Amino acid sequence: MFNAEVRRLLAQVIISWQVLAVTVILIIYISLVNYVTRTHHRGLSGFSMPKVKKDKKAKKKEEPVASETDELELEE
């Protein structure tokens, strides 16, 4: 008898308009997200980033400046 009541209650919950509405909204949302990702991915496949030419001056590595006093005043 307990099992029959639980089954009947479960059927009422699943068939309720709130559950059906949320299910339909989730299906529409997931479909929309999949559509947007497919179109966005397709748009990027033909797109290539322009290569940035590095300046010769930028290639030179700057050496860190050694200071006579330690700013943090740490003891060695």
C-alpha atoms as a PDB file:
ATOM      1  CA  MET A   1       0.000   0.000   0.000  1.00  0.00           C
ATOM      2  CA  PHE A   2       2.880   2.378   0.756  1.00  0.00           C
ATOM      3  CA  ASN A   3       4.420   1.706  -2.665  1.00  0.00           C
ATOM      4  CA  ALA A   4       1.173   2.530  -4.467  1.00  0.00           C
ATOM      5  CA  GLU A   5       0.882   5.842  -2.637  1.00  0.00           C
ATOM      6  CA  VAL A   6       4.472   6.781  -3.438  1.00  0.00           C
ATOM      7  CA  ARG A   7       4.031   5.887  -7.112  1.00  0.00           C
ATOM      8  CA  ARG A   8       0.837   7.932  -7.345  1.00  0.00           C
ATOM      9  CA  LEU A   9       2.460  10.912  -5.624  1.00  0.00           C
ATOM     10  CA  LEU A  10       5.540  10.659  -7.856  1.00  0.00           C
ATOM     11  CA  ALA A  11       3.357  10.594 -10.974  1.00  0.00           C
ATOM     12  CA  GLN A  12       1.506  13.695  -9.780  1.00  0.00           C
ATOM     13  CA  VAL A  13       4.777  15.541  -9.185  1.00  0.00           C
ATOM     14  CA  ILE A  14       6.239  14.618 -12.566  1.00  0.00           C
ATOM     15  CA  ILE A  15       3.064  15.581 -14.434  1.00  0.00           C
ATOM     16  CA  SER A  16       2.628  18.889 -12.589  1.00  0.00           C
ATOM     17  CA  TRP A  17       2.766  22.021 -14.735  1.00  0.00           C
ATOM     18  CA  GLN A  18       5.700  23.489 -12.785  1.00  0.00           C
ATOM     19  CA  VAL A  19       7.946  20.507 -13.469  1.00  0.00           C
ATOM     20  CA  LEU A  20       6.945  20.408 -17.126  1.00  0.00           C
ATOM     21  CA  ALA A  21       7.519  24.156 -17.537  1.00  0.00           C
ATOM     22  CA  VAL A  22      10.982  24.035 -15.964  1.00  0.00           C
ATOM     23  CA  THR A  23      11.885  21.027 -18.120  1.00  0.00           C
ATOM     24  CA  VAL A  24      10.842  22.818 -21.316  1.00  0.00           C
ATOM     25  CA  ILE A  25      12.741  25.972 -20.305  1.00  0.00           C
ATOM     26  CA  LEU A  26      15.889  23.944 -19.570  1.00  0.00           C
ATOM     27  CA  ILE A  27      15.665  22.176 -22.931  1.00  0.00           C
ATOM     28  CA  ILE A  28      15.289  25.514 -24.745  1.00  0.00           C
ATOM     29  CA  TYR A  29      18.192  27.033 -22.787  1.00  0.00           C
ATOM     30  CA  ILE A  30      20.530  24.103 -23.503  1.00  0.00           C
ATOM     31  CA  SER A  31      19.568  24.166 -27.189  1.00  0.00           C
ATOM     32  CA  LEU A  32      20.284  27.900 -27.350  1.00  0.00           C
ATOM     33  CA  VAL A  33      23.673  27.505 -25.672  1.00  0.00           C
ATOM     34  CA  ASN A  34      24.624  24.681 -28.058  1.00  0.00           C
ATOM     35  CA  TYR A  35      23.550  26.785 -31.055  1.00  0.00           C
ATOM     36  CA  VAL A  36      25.603  29.775 -29.926  1.00  0.00           C
ATOM     37  CA  THR A  37      28.707  27.667 -29.265  1.00  0.00           C
ATOM     38  CA  ARG A  38      28.442  26.013 -32.676  1.00  0.00           C
ATOM     39  CA  THR A  39      28.084  29.318 -34.505  1.00  0.00           C
ATOM     40  CA  HIS A  40      30.846  30.966 -32.474  1.00  0.00           C
ATOM     41  CA  HIS A  41      33.208  28.063 -33.051  1.00  0.00           C
ATOM     42  CA  ARG A  42      32.463  28.083 -36.776  1.00  0.00           C
ATOM     43  CA  GLY A  43      33.200  31.801 -36.926  1.00  0.00           C
ATOM     44  CA  LEU A  44      36.619  31.399 -35.319  1.00  0.00           C
ATOM     45  CA  SER A  45      37.809  28.605 -37.604  1.00  0.00           C
ATOM     46  CA  GLY A  46      38.468  30.983 -40.518  1.00  0.00           C
ATOM     47  CA  PHE A  47      39.861  33.724 -38.317  1.00  0.00           C
ATOM     48  CA  SER A  48      43.583  33.962 -37.766  1.00  0.00           C
ATOM     49  CA  MET A  49      45.245  36.375 -35.408  1.00  0.00           C
ATOM     50  CA  PRO A  50      47.603  38.840 -37.093  1.00  0.00           C
ATOM     51  CA  LYS A  51      51.202  38.241 -36.165  1.00  0.00           C
ATOM     52  CA  VAL A  52      52.708  40.957 -34.049  1.00  0.00           C
ATOM     53  CA  LYS A  53      56.173  42.037 -35.069  1.00  0.00           C
ATOM     54  CA  LYS A  54      58.424  42.455 -32.082  1.00  0.00           C
ATOM     55  CA  ASP A  55      60.507  45.572 -31.820  1.00  0.00           C
ATOM     56  CA  LYS A  56      64.264  45.022 -31.743  1.00  0.00           C
ATOM     57  CA  LYS A  57      64.507  47.191 -28.668  1.00  0.00           C
ATOM     58  CA  ALA A  58      61.965  45.039 -26.881  1.00  0.00           C
ATOM     59  CA  LYS A  59      64.118  41.954 -27.438  1.00  0.00           C
ATOM     60  CA  LYS A  60      66.845  43.304 -25.195  1.00  0.00           C
ATOM     61  CA  LYS A  61      66.365  41.943 -21.723  1.00  0.00           C
ATOM     62  CA  GLU A  62      66.517  44.501 -19.013  1.00  0.00           C
ATOM     63  CA  GLU A  63      68.696  43.516 -16.123  1.00  0.00           C
ATOM     64  CA  PRO A  64      67.239  44.111 -12.682  1.00  0.00           C
ATOM     65  CA  VAL A  65      68.742  47.080 -10.939  1.00  0.00           C
ATOM     66  CA  ALA A  66      70.614  46.097  -7.797  1.00  0.00           C
ATOM     67  CA  SER A  67      70.181  48.567  -4.992  1.00  0.00           C
ATOM     68  CA  GLU A  68      72.591  49.072  -2.165  1.00  0.00           C
ATOM     69  CA  THR A  69      69.852  49.091   0.434  1.00  0.00           C
ATOM     70  CA  ASP A  70      67.251  46.438   0.729  1.00  0.00           C
ATOM     71  CA  GLU A  71      63.811  47.972   0.581  1.00  0.00           C
ATOM     72  CA  LEU A  72      62.394  45.251   2.799  1.00  0.00           C
ATOM     73  CA  GLU A  73      65.231  45.682   5.290  1.00  0.00           C
ATOM     74  CA  LEU A  74      65.746  41.954   5.657  1.00  0.00           C
ATOM     75  CA  GLU A  75      68.733  40.662   7.548  1.00  0.00           C
ATOM     76  CA  GLU A  76      70.918  38.096   5.877  1.00  0.00           C
END
